[in-house]
Amino acid sequence: MYPSCNLSEYEKKREEKRLRALETERQRMDSLLAHAELKAKASETRIQALNRLAEVMLDQIKLLVNLCFGP
């Protein structure tokens, strides 16, 4: 049922293994969070660039309307 070592040693090793697994999972979650934060920042930057492009295009349309039809 249990390994040949005494029970407390078995429990100690099992707990160490569990702690290593938890640490690995924490590191994985940290990595996923960092990746998600980078993607969010990139999306925010793209949205800002698109908003600026829309502003420039609107200004150009206004100029064309003024050129064609006057102020």
N, C-alpha and C. Protein backbone atom coordinates (compact mmCIF):
# COMPACT_ATOMS: atom_id res chain seq x y z
N MET A 1 0.82 -1.18 0.00
CA MET A 1 0.00 0.00 0.00
C MET A 1 0.87 1.26 0.00
N TYR A 2 1.80 1.38 0.93
CA TYR A 2 2.72 2.50 0.98
C TYR A 2 4.11 2.04 0.58
N PRO A 3 4.94 2.96 0.13
CA PRO A 3 6.32 2.58 -0.19
C PRO A 3 7.03 2.06 1.06
N SER A 4 8.18 1.48 0.85
CA SER A 4 8.90 0.86 1.96
C SER A 4 9.42 1.88 2.97
N CYS A 5 9.58 3.14 2.60
CA CYS A 5 10.03 4.15 3.57
C CYS A 5 8.91 4.43 4.57
N ASN A 6 9.25 5.05 5.68
CA ASN A 6 8.20 5.29 6.68
C ASN A 6 7.18 6.29 6.17
N LEU A 7 6.02 6.30 6.79
CA LEU A 7 4.89 7.08 6.31
C LEU A 7 5.18 8.58 6.28
N SER A 8 5.84 9.09 7.29
CA SER A 8 6.10 10.53 7.32
C SER A 8 7.02 10.93 6.16
N GLU A 9 7.96 10.09 5.82
CA GLU A 9 8.84 10.39 4.68
C GLU A 9 8.04 10.36 3.37
N TYR A 10 7.15 9.40 3.27
CA TYR A 10 6.28 9.30 2.09
C TYR A 10 5.41 10.56 1.98
N GLU A 11 4.80 10.96 3.09
CA GLU A 11 3.96 12.15 3.07
C GLU A 11 4.76 13.40 2.74
N LYS A 12 5.97 13.47 3.27
CA LYS A 12 6.83 14.62 3.00
C LYS A 12 7.14 14.72 1.51
N LYS A 13 7.49 13.60 0.90
CA LYS A 13 7.81 13.60 -0.54
C LYS A 13 6.57 13.92 -1.37
N ARG A 14 5.43 13.39 -0.95
CA ARG A 14 4.19 13.66 -1.66
C ARG A 14 3.84 15.15 -1.59
N GLU A 15 4.04 15.74 -0.42
CA GLU A 15 3.76 17.17 -0.25
C GLU A 15 4.74 18.01 -1.08
N GLU A 16 6.00 17.63 -1.13
CA GLU A 16 6.99 18.34 -1.95
C GLU A 16 6.59 18.28 -3.43
N LYS A 17 6.14 17.12 -3.86
CA LYS A 17 5.71 16.96 -5.25
C LYS A 17 4.50 17.84 -5.54
N ARG A 18 3.56 17.87 -4.60
CA ARG A 18 2.37 18.70 -4.76
C ARG A 18 2.74 20.18 -4.82
N LEU A 19 3.68 20.61 -3.96
CA LEU A 19 4.12 22.01 -3.96
C LEU A 19 4.83 22.37 -5.26
N ARG A 20 5.63 21.45 -5.79
CA ARG A 20 6.30 21.70 -7.08
C ARG A 20 5.26 21.85 -8.19
N ALA A 21 4.24 21.00 -8.15
CA ALA A 21 3.19 21.08 -9.17
C ALA A 21 2.43 22.40 -9.05
N LEU A 22 2.15 22.83 -7.83
CA LEU A 22 1.48 24.12 -7.63
C LEU A 22 2.33 25.28 -8.13
N GLU A 23 3.62 25.23 -7.86
CA GLU A 23 4.53 26.28 -8.32
C GLU A 23 4.58 26.31 -9.85
N THR A 24 4.63 25.15 -10.47
CA THR A 24 4.63 25.08 -11.93
C THR A 24 3.34 25.68 -12.49
N GLU A 25 2.22 25.36 -11.87
CA GLU A 25 0.93 25.90 -12.31
C GLU A 25 0.89 27.41 -12.12
N ARG A 26 1.42 27.91 -11.00
CA ARG A 26 1.46 29.35 -10.76
C ARG A 26 2.29 30.06 -11.82
N GLN A 27 3.43 29.46 -12.17
CA GLN A 27 4.28 30.05 -13.21
C GLN A 27 3.57 30.05 -14.56
N ARG A 28 2.85 28.98 -14.84
CA ARG A 28 2.09 28.91 -16.10
C ARG A 28 1.01 29.99 -16.13
N MET A 29 0.32 30.17 -15.03
CA MET A 29 -0.72 31.21 -14.96
C MET A 29 -0.11 32.60 -15.08
N ASP A 30 1.05 32.82 -14.45
CA ASP A 30 1.74 34.11 -14.59
C ASP A 30 2.09 34.39 -16.04
N SER A 31 2.56 33.35 -16.73
CA SER A 31 2.92 33.49 -18.13
C SER A 31 1.69 33.80 -18.99
N LEU A 32 0.59 33.10 -18.74
CA LEU A 32 -0.65 33.37 -19.47
C LEU A 32 -1.15 34.79 -19.22
N LEU A 33 -1.06 35.23 -17.98
CA LEU A 33 -1.49 36.59 -17.64
C LEU A 33 -0.63 37.63 -18.34
N ALA A 34 0.68 37.42 -18.34
CA ALA A 34 1.58 38.36 -19.01
C ALA A 34 1.27 38.42 -20.51
N HIS A 35 1.02 37.26 -21.10
CA HIS A 35 0.68 37.21 -22.53
C HIS A 35 -0.63 37.95 -22.80
N ALA A 36 -1.62 37.73 -21.95
CA ALA A 36 -2.91 38.40 -22.12
C ALA A 36 -2.76 39.92 -21.97
N GLU A 37 -1.92 40.34 -21.03
CA GLU A 37 -1.69 41.78 -20.84
C GLU A 37 -1.02 42.38 -22.08
N LEU A 38 -0.08 41.66 -22.66
CA LEU A 38 0.58 42.14 -23.88
C LEU A 38 -0.42 42.25 -25.04
N LYS A 39 -1.28 41.24 -25.17
CA LYS A 39 -2.28 41.27 -26.24
C LYS A 39 -3.25 42.44 -26.03
N ALA A 40 -3.64 42.68 -24.78
CA ALA A 40 -4.55 43.79 -24.50
C ALA A 40 -3.90 45.12 -24.84
N LYS A 41 -2.63 45.26 -24.49
CA LYS A 41 -1.90 46.50 -24.79
C LYS A 41 -1.80 46.69 -26.30
N ALA A 42 -1.50 45.62 -27.04
CA ALA A 42 -1.41 45.71 -28.50
C ALA A 42 -2.77 46.09 -29.09
N SER A 43 -3.84 45.52 -28.57
CA SER A 43 -5.18 45.85 -29.06
C SER A 43 -5.50 47.31 -28.79
N GLU A 44 -5.14 47.77 -27.61
CA GLU A 44 -5.38 49.18 -27.26
C GLU A 44 -4.61 50.10 -28.21
N THR A 45 -3.38 49.74 -28.52
CA THR A 45 -2.57 50.54 -29.44
C THR A 45 -3.19 50.56 -30.83
N ARG A 46 -3.68 49.40 -31.29
CA ARG A 46 -4.34 49.33 -32.60
C ARG A 46 -5.60 50.19 -32.62
N ILE A 47 -6.38 50.13 -31.55
CA ILE A 47 -7.60 50.94 -31.48
C ILE A 47 -7.26 52.42 -31.54
N GLN A 48 -6.23 52.83 -30.81
CA GLN A 48 -5.82 54.23 -30.84
C GLN A 48 -5.38 54.64 -32.25
N ALA A 49 -4.64 53.77 -32.92
CA ALA A 49 -4.19 54.07 -34.28
C ALA A 49 -5.39 54.17 -35.23
N LEU A 50 -6.35 53.28 -35.09
CA LEU A 50 -7.55 53.33 -35.95
C LEU A 50 -8.37 54.59 -35.68
N ASN A 51 -8.47 54.97 -34.42
CA ASN A 51 -9.19 56.21 -34.09
C ASN A 51 -8.50 57.41 -34.72
N ARG A 52 -7.20 57.45 -34.66
CA ARG A 52 -6.45 58.56 -35.26
C ARG A 52 -6.65 58.56 -36.78
N LEU A 53 -6.60 57.38 -37.39
CA LEU A 53 -6.82 57.28 -38.83
C LEU A 53 -8.22 57.79 -39.19
N ALA A 54 -9.21 57.43 -38.40
CA ALA A 54 -10.58 57.90 -38.65
C ALA A 54 -10.66 59.42 -38.55
N GLU A 55 -9.96 59.99 -37.58
CA GLU A 55 -9.94 61.46 -37.45
C GLU A 55 -9.32 62.11 -38.68
N VAL A 56 -8.21 61.56 -39.15
CA VAL A 56 -7.54 62.10 -40.33
C VAL A 56 -8.44 61.98 -41.55
N MET A 57 -9.09 60.83 -41.72
CA MET A 57 -9.98 60.64 -42.87
C MET A 57 -11.15 61.62 -42.81
N LEU A 58 -11.70 61.84 -41.64
CA LEU A 58 -12.80 62.79 -41.49
C LEU A 58 -12.35 64.20 -41.87
N ASP A 59 -11.16 64.57 -41.42
CA ASP A 59 -10.61 65.88 -41.80
C ASP A 59 -10.46 66.00 -43.31
N GLN A 60 -10.00 64.93 -43.96
CA GLN A 60 -9.84 64.95 -45.42
C GLN A 60 -11.19 65.08 -46.12
N ILE A 61 -12.19 64.39 -45.61
CA ILE A 61 -13.54 64.49 -46.20
C ILE A 61 -14.07 65.91 -46.06
N LYS A 62 -13.87 66.50 -44.90
CA LYS A 62 -14.31 67.89 -44.70
C LYS A 62 -13.62 68.83 -45.68
N LEU A 63 -12.31 68.63 -45.88
CA LEU A 63 -11.58 69.46 -46.85
C LEU A 63 -12.14 69.30 -48.26
N LEU A 64 -12.40 68.06 -48.66
CA LEU A 64 -12.96 67.81 -49.99
C LEU A 64 -14.34 68.46 -50.15
N VAL A 65 -15.17 68.33 -49.13
CA VAL A 65 -16.50 68.94 -49.19
C VAL A 65 -16.37 70.45 -49.33
N ASN A 66 -15.46 71.05 -48.56
CA ASN A 66 -15.25 72.51 -48.65
C ASN A 66 -14.72 72.91 -50.02
N LEU A 67 -13.84 72.08 -50.59
CA LEU A 67 -13.30 72.39 -51.92
C LEU A 67 -14.39 72.30 -52.99
N CYS A 68 -15.25 71.30 -52.87
CA CYS A 68 -16.28 71.09 -53.88
C CYS A 68 -17.47 72.05 -53.73
N PHE A 69 -17.88 72.28 -52.51
CA PHE A 69 -19.13 73.02 -52.30
C PHE A 69 -18.94 74.34 -51.56
N GLY A 70 -17.74 74.65 -51.17
CA GLY A 70 -17.48 75.89 -50.44
C GLY A 70 -17.76 75.72 -48.96
N PRO A 71 -17.36 76.70 -48.17
CA PRO A 71 -17.52 76.59 -46.71
C PRO A 71 -18.96 76.67 -46.26
